[in-house]
Amino acid sequence: MRELLVTGGAGFIGSNFIDYMIENTSYHITNIDAFTYAGKKENVKRFEGIANYRLLECNISQKDELNRVFDRQYDAVINFAAETHVDRSIESAVPFIDTNIKGTLNLLDAVLENKIKQMIQISTDEVYGSLKYEDPAFTETTPISPNNPYSASKASADLLVQSFFKTYKLPLIIIRCSNNYGPYQHCEKFIPKVIGNALKNQKTPLYGDGLHIRDWVHVKDHCRAIYMVLEGGKFGEIYNIGGNEERTNKEVLNFILGFLGKDEQLIHYVEERKGHDRRYAINYEKAFRQLGWSPLVSFEEGLTETIEWYKRHLKDELGE
């Protein structure tokens, strides 16, 4: 049985990826998470009792903790563990440096020392910076140009990964994905926040003019891409994963309000976020050409399912 180490598997994308792997493969999965505010034990309760799964509490920024996890020979490591919320990084960059940079370095050292056969670094399209409306979408050769502490920390981690590939010839791959949405996402993120606030008839803040554009991809499509990279990706490569679903933040918010039968008066325009990127767009041609991957879930279909999921899971909170 192949052994897979998943870091940050109690978070949004990590827990969805474990779902995918349990459903579609026979990998034995070791899930490690520091269980900070974003990585919740509730997110992984559904895996309890599964024979080919184990859960260990571990903070990858603490090398002693991480070393204890390597009590078996892993075939691959997938690093989801990260601080990810831009607003929090603007308030304090320290946790982002600790987890996203120092933690990634610790993992790379462990991969080198333990002769792991493969590591995939889960990055973000935000390392590329911001696009103008008329610019072509990001490709894997677009220079990185991060504009906030979060994206700078992820770009730094990517550079470390690339340096370990070049210097030590380690079997490393980077995936940069556009904005994910779907079940189990933390309520501080845009789509869950809008859904939760609308269900409670509370106003939702919208930065600036609300016309910032993001490319959205359903988390299930992202997880399928990660698996395809795991099975067929080339070491030393970067793979962009996107949904080809560009929407302004205001369009997304209005879709959710309309679906829930709520009025646009719940939109509360607030002062622009510092360093706010105007537009992201991903060209995933390389992933399609090399791996045969393309998104399957349309934004309207996926967002409808996501709204329904949060309606069910917010019932207790809302007293329904």
Protein backbone atom coordinates (compact mmCIF):
# COMPACT_ATOMS: atom_id res chain seq x y z
CA MET A 1 0.00 0.00 0.00
CA ARG A 2 1.37 3.41 -0.95
CA GLU A 3 1.94 5.85 1.90
CA LEU A 4 0.88 9.48 1.54
CA LEU A 5 1.61 12.30 3.99
CA VAL A 6 -0.88 15.17 3.81
CA THR A 7 -0.03 18.33 5.73
CA GLY A 8 -2.84 20.70 6.69
CA GLY A 9 -5.43 18.02 6.01
CA ALA A 10 -7.93 19.46 8.49
CA GLY A 11 -8.28 22.60 6.42
CA PHE A 12 -10.57 23.35 3.51
CA ILE A 13 -8.70 22.01 0.48
CA GLY A 14 -6.73 19.41 2.43
CA SER A 15 -9.80 17.72 3.92
CA ASN A 16 -11.55 17.70 0.55
CA PHE A 17 -8.46 16.12 -0.99
CA ILE A 18 -8.45 13.37 1.65
CA ASP A 19 -12.11 12.77 0.78
CA TYR A 20 -11.12 12.36 -2.86
CA MET A 21 -8.23 10.02 -2.10
CA ILE A 22 -10.24 7.78 0.22
CA GLU A 23 -13.03 7.53 -2.33
CA ASN A 24 -10.84 6.95 -5.38
CA THR A 25 -7.59 5.27 -4.28
CA SER A 26 -6.11 2.73 -1.88
CA TYR A 27 -3.40 5.05 -0.51
CA HIS A 28 -2.70 4.92 3.21
CA ILE A 29 -3.02 8.53 4.35
CA THR A 30 -1.30 10.18 7.28
CA ASN A 31 -2.93 13.55 7.94
CA ILE A 32 -1.05 16.10 10.06
CA ASP A 33 -2.44 19.43 11.17
CA ALA A 34 -1.61 22.04 13.81
CA PHE A 35 -5.33 22.64 14.46
CA THR A 36 -5.15 26.39 14.45
CA TYR A 37 -8.40 28.30 13.94
CA ALA A 38 -8.67 27.26 10.27
CA GLY A 39 -7.85 23.57 10.64
CA LYS A 40 -10.76 22.16 12.61
CA LYS A 41 -11.03 18.70 14.13
CA GLU A 42 -14.69 18.76 13.13
CA ASN A 43 -13.55 18.84 9.50
CA VAL A 44 -11.91 15.42 9.78
CA LYS A 45 -14.33 13.59 12.06
CA ARG A 46 -15.83 12.00 8.97
CA PHE A 47 -12.59 10.04 8.47
CA GLU A 48 -12.63 8.39 11.90
CA GLY A 49 -12.58 4.61 11.75
CA ILE A 50 -11.26 4.43 8.19
CA ALA A 51 -8.59 1.73 8.12
CA ASN A 52 -6.17 3.42 5.73
CA TYR A 53 -6.19 6.79 7.50
CA ARG A 54 -4.51 8.22 10.58
CA LEU A 55 -4.47 11.70 12.11
CA LEU A 56 -1.53 13.27 13.96
CA GLU A 57 -1.32 16.71 15.52
CA CYS A 58 1.77 18.48 14.23
CA ASN A 59 2.93 22.00 13.42
CA ILE A 60 5.26 21.88 10.42
CA SER A 61 7.04 25.04 11.58
CA GLN A 62 8.29 23.03 14.60
CA LYS A 63 11.01 20.73 13.30
CA ASP A 64 11.00 18.40 16.32
CA GLU A 65 7.26 17.81 15.90
CA LEU A 66 7.64 17.22 12.19
CA ASN A 67 10.49 14.74 12.56
CA ARG A 68 8.31 12.49 14.73
CA VAL A 69 5.81 12.17 11.89
CA PHE A 70 8.39 10.46 9.69
CA ASP A 71 8.02 7.14 11.48
CA ARG A 72 7.36 5.38 8.19
CA GLN A 73 8.54 5.68 4.61
CA TYR A 74 6.20 7.90 2.63
CA ASP A 75 5.88 7.63 -1.11
CA ALA A 76 4.71 11.22 -1.41
CA VAL A 77 4.09 14.40 0.60
CA ILE A 78 1.45 16.98 -0.31
CA ASN A 79 1.82 20.29 1.50
CA PHE A 80 -1.49 22.08 2.06
CA ALA A 81 -0.42 23.48 5.45
CA ALA A 82 -0.52 27.26 5.25
CA GLU A 83 -1.86 30.46 6.65
CA THR A 84 -4.01 31.76 3.80
CA HIS A 85 -6.17 34.74 4.70
CA VAL A 86 -4.89 37.99 3.17
CA ASP A 87 -6.58 40.26 5.72
CA ARG A 88 -4.90 38.39 8.58
CA SER A 89 -1.52 38.66 6.87
CA ILE A 90 -1.94 42.42 6.66
CA GLU A 91 -2.66 42.56 10.39
CA SER A 92 0.36 40.38 11.23
CA ALA A 93 2.71 38.62 8.83
CA VAL A 94 4.54 36.58 11.48
CA PRO A 95 2.32 33.43 11.40
CA PHE A 96 2.58 33.43 7.60
CA ILE A 97 6.36 33.51 7.72
CA ASP A 98 6.43 30.73 10.32
CA THR A 99 4.08 28.31 8.58
CA ASN A 100 4.36 29.14 4.91
CA ILE A 101 8.13 29.68 4.70
CA LYS A 102 9.74 28.04 7.71
CA GLY A 103 7.29 25.14 7.63
CA THR A 104 7.93 24.51 3.93
CA LEU A 105 11.68 24.59 4.55
CA ASN A 106 11.30 22.02 7.33
CA LEU A 107 9.31 19.78 4.99
CA LEU A 108 11.91 20.08 2.25
CA ASP A 109 14.63 19.12 4.72
CA ALA A 110 12.57 16.09 5.76
CA VAL A 111 12.00 15.06 2.14
CA LEU A 112 15.75 15.28 1.55
CA GLU A 113 16.70 13.42 4.71
CA ASN A 114 14.10 10.66 4.34
CA LYS A 115 14.52 10.23 0.59
CA ILE A 116 10.83 10.78 -0.13
CA LYS A 117 9.91 9.92 -3.70
CA GLN A 118 7.76 13.00 -4.37
CA MET A 119 6.50 16.24 -2.83
CA ILE A 120 3.81 18.54 -4.18
CA GLN A 121 3.70 22.11 -2.94
CA ILE A 122 0.20 23.61 -3.02
CA SER A 123 0.65 27.27 -3.91
CA THR A 124 -1.66 29.98 -5.21
CA ASP A 125 -2.25 32.19 -8.23
CA GLU A 126 -1.76 35.16 -5.93
CA VAL A 127 2.03 34.80 -6.19
CA TYR A 128 1.74 36.23 -9.72
CA GLY A 129 0.32 39.52 -8.45
CA SER A 130 -2.41 41.45 -10.22
CA LEU A 131 -3.64 41.60 -13.82
CA LYS A 132 -5.15 44.49 -15.71
CA TYR A 133 -8.51 43.85 -17.36
CA GLU A 134 -6.92 43.52 -20.80
CA ASP A 135 -3.99 41.31 -19.74
CA PRO A 136 -3.77 37.64 -20.76
CA ALA A 137 -4.21 35.05 -17.99
CA PHE A 138 -1.31 33.91 -15.84
CA THR A 139 0.84 31.12 -17.25
CA GLU A 140 3.50 29.11 -15.46
CA THR A 141 6.15 31.44 -16.90
CA THR A 142 4.49 34.64 -15.62
CA PRO A 143 7.00 36.30 -13.26
CA ILE A 144 5.98 36.20 -9.62
CA SER A 145 5.10 39.61 -8.19
CA PRO A 146 3.23 39.24 -4.86
CA ASN A 147 1.47 42.27 -3.41
CA ASN A 148 0.60 41.29 0.16
CA PRO A 149 2.34 39.41 2.99
CA TYR A 150 0.34 36.23 2.38
CA SER A 151 1.20 35.97 -1.31
CA ALA A 152 4.79 37.01 -0.59
CA SER A 153 5.13 34.16 1.90
CA LYS A 154 3.74 31.66 -0.63
CA ALA A 155 6.04 33.00 -3.35
CA SER A 156 8.98 32.62 -0.98
CA ALA A 157 7.99 29.01 -0.31
CA ASP A 158 7.78 28.35 -4.05
CA LEU A 159 11.29 29.72 -4.52
CA LEU A 160 12.55 27.43 -1.77
CA VAL A 161 10.93 24.46 -3.50
CA GLN A 162 12.50 25.41 -6.81
CA SER A 163 15.90 25.87 -5.18
CA PHE A 164 15.74 22.41 -3.56
CA PHE A 165 14.85 20.89 -6.92
CA LYS A 166 17.82 22.57 -8.59
CA THR A 167 20.31 22.11 -5.76
CA TYR A 168 19.44 18.67 -4.42
CA LYS A 169 17.56 17.21 -7.42
CA LEU A 170 14.56 16.49 -5.20
CA PRO A 171 11.33 15.20 -6.81
CA LEU A 172 9.30 18.37 -6.33
CA ILE A 173 6.27 19.86 -8.11
CA ILE A 174 4.35 23.13 -7.54
CA ILE A 175 0.63 23.61 -8.15
CA ARG A 176 -0.77 27.15 -8.39
CA CYS A 177 -4.53 27.29 -8.31
CA SER A 178 -7.12 30.04 -8.63
CA ASN A 179 -9.72 30.78 -5.95
CA ASN A 180 -11.33 27.61 -4.56
CA TYR A 181 -14.87 27.29 -3.23
CA GLY A 182 -16.95 24.45 -1.89
CA PRO A 183 -17.78 22.63 1.37
CA TYR A 184 -15.75 22.98 4.58
CA GLN A 185 -14.26 26.38 3.72
CA HIS A 186 -13.67 28.63 6.73
CA CYS A 187 -16.35 31.23 7.35
CA GLU A 188 -13.86 34.10 7.11
CA LYS A 189 -13.48 33.51 3.35
CA PHE A 190 -15.59 35.46 0.88
CA ILE A 191 -18.21 32.96 -0.31
CA PRO A 192 -18.94 31.33 3.09
CA LYS A 193 -19.03 34.76 4.71
CA VAL A 194 -21.57 36.06 2.19
CA ILE A 195 -23.74 32.93 2.58
CA GLY A 196 -23.63 33.03 6.38
CA ASN A 197 -24.34 36.76 6.59
CA ALA A 198 -27.20 36.53 4.10
CA LEU A 199 -28.83 33.66 5.99
CA LYS A 200 -28.65 35.79 9.15
CA ASN A 201 -29.84 38.92 7.29
CA GLN A 202 -26.58 40.66 8.15
CA LYS A 203 -24.69 43.03 5.88
CA THR A 204 -21.66 41.70 3.98
CA PRO A 205 -18.66 43.99 3.48
CA LEU A 206 -17.53 44.47 -0.12
CA TYR A 207 -14.18 46.10 -0.73
CA GLY A 208 -13.97 49.21 -2.91
CA ASP A 209 -16.23 49.19 -5.95
CA GLY A 210 -16.71 45.40 -5.82
CA LEU A 211 -15.34 44.96 -9.34
CA HIS A 212 -12.23 42.99 -8.42
CA ILE A 213 -12.15 39.85 -10.56
CA ARG A 214 -11.30 36.34 -9.41
CA ASP A 215 -11.16 33.07 -11.34
CA TRP A 216 -13.13 30.44 -9.42
CA VAL A 217 -12.61 26.67 -9.42
CA HIS A 218 -14.57 24.13 -7.39
CA VAL A 219 -12.46 22.39 -4.77
CA LYS A 220 -13.38 18.98 -6.20
CA ASP A 221 -11.87 19.96 -9.55
CA HIS A 222 -8.73 21.15 -7.76
CA CYS A 223 -8.45 17.88 -5.81
CA ARG A 224 -8.78 15.87 -9.02
CA ALA A 225 -6.00 17.98 -10.52
CA ILE A 226 -3.73 17.35 -7.53
CA TYR A 227 -4.27 13.61 -7.88
CA MET A 228 -3.45 13.77 -11.59
CA VAL A 229 -0.27 15.70 -10.83
CA LEU A 230 0.59 13.15 -8.14
CA GLU A 231 0.23 10.31 -10.64
CA GLY A 232 1.58 11.93 -13.79
CA GLY A 233 3.24 15.27 -13.09
CA LYS A 234 6.85 15.97 -14.03
CA PHE A 235 9.36 16.82 -11.32
CA GLY A 236 10.54 20.41 -11.30
CA GLU A 237 7.41 21.63 -13.05
CA ILE A 238 4.75 24.17 -12.10
CA TYR A 239 1.11 23.45 -12.98
CA ASN A 240 -1.52 26.19 -13.08
CA ILE A 241 -5.05 25.06 -12.20
CA GLY A 242 -8.01 27.31 -12.95
CA GLY A 243 -11.72 27.26 -13.53
CA ASN A 244 -12.02 29.61 -16.51
CA GLU A 245 -14.75 31.25 -14.43
CA GLU A 246 -13.86 34.92 -13.97
CA ARG A 247 -16.38 36.85 -11.90
CA THR A 248 -16.35 40.19 -10.12
CA ASN A 249 -16.82 39.98 -6.37
CA LYS A 250 -20.07 41.90 -6.77
CA GLU A 251 -21.37 39.34 -9.29
CA VAL A 252 -20.65 36.50 -6.88
CA LEU A 253 -22.29 38.33 -4.01
CA ASN A 254 -25.37 39.16 -6.07
CA PHE A 255 -25.72 35.54 -7.22
CA ILE A 256 -25.75 34.35 -3.61
CA LEU A 257 -28.18 37.03 -2.47
CA GLY A 258 -30.48 36.30 -5.41
CA PHE A 259 -30.42 32.56 -4.81
CA LEU A 260 -31.31 33.08 -1.15
CA GLY A 261 -34.00 35.63 -1.95
CA LYS A 262 -32.17 38.45 -0.20
CA ASP A 263 -32.01 42.12 -1.10
CA GLU A 264 -28.92 43.95 -2.41
CA GLN A 265 -29.29 46.28 0.58
CA LEU A 266 -27.27 43.65 2.49
CA ILE A 267 -24.20 44.79 0.53
CA HIS A 268 -22.03 47.08 2.62
CA TYR A 269 -19.29 48.85 0.66
CA VAL A 270 -16.14 49.35 2.71
CA GLU A 271 -12.76 51.01 2.21
CA GLU A 272 -10.44 49.28 -0.24
CA ARG A 273 -8.17 46.58 1.17
CA LYS A 274 -4.47 47.52 1.30
CA GLY A 275 -2.57 46.12 -1.67
CA HIS A 276 -5.76 44.66 -3.15
CA ASP A 277 -5.07 42.80 -6.43
CA ARG A 278 -7.50 43.84 -9.15
CA ARG A 279 -7.76 40.67 -11.22
CA TYR A 280 -6.60 37.05 -11.25
CA ALA A 281 -6.98 34.70 -14.21
CA ILE A 282 -5.35 31.31 -14.79
CA ASN A 283 -4.31 29.69 -18.05
CA TYR A 284 -4.40 25.91 -17.37
CA GLU A 285 -3.41 24.84 -20.89
CA LYS A 286 -0.27 23.07 -19.61
CA ALA A 287 -2.26 20.89 -17.17
CA PHE A 288 -4.68 20.03 -19.99
CA ARG A 289 -1.90 19.28 -22.47
CA GLN A 290 0.30 17.20 -20.17
CA LEU A 291 -2.27 15.61 -17.85
CA GLY A 292 -5.59 15.85 -19.63
CA TRP A 293 -7.08 17.92 -16.79
CA SER A 294 -9.80 20.51 -17.22
CA PRO A 295 -12.52 21.71 -14.82
CA LEU A 296 -15.80 19.80 -14.84
CA VAL A 297 -17.94 21.81 -12.40
CA SER A 298 -19.48 25.03 -13.73
CA PHE A 299 -19.48 27.99 -11.36
CA GLU A 300 -23.27 28.25 -11.26
CA GLU A 301 -23.68 24.54 -10.53
CA GLY A 302 -20.88 24.46 -7.96
CA LEU A 303 -21.95 27.64 -6.21
CA THR A 304 -25.55 26.42 -5.99
CA GLU A 305 -24.36 23.17 -4.37
CA THR A 306 -22.09 25.15 -2.04
CA ILE A 307 -24.92 27.42 -0.89
CA GLU A 308 -27.11 24.40 -0.19
CA TRP A 309 -24.28 22.74 1.76
CA TYR A 310 -23.79 25.79 3.98
CA LYS A 311 -27.54 26.12 4.50
CA ARG A 312 -27.58 22.58 5.91
CA HIS A 313 -24.46 23.00 8.03
CA LEU A 314 -25.38 26.40 9.44
CA LYS A 315 -28.75 25.25 10.79
CA ASP A 316 -27.50 24.73 14.34
CA GLU A 317 -25.67 28.05 14.38
CA LEU A 318 -28.75 29.87 13.14
CA GLY A 319 -31.09 28.07 15.52
CA GLU A 320 -33.19 26.56 12.75
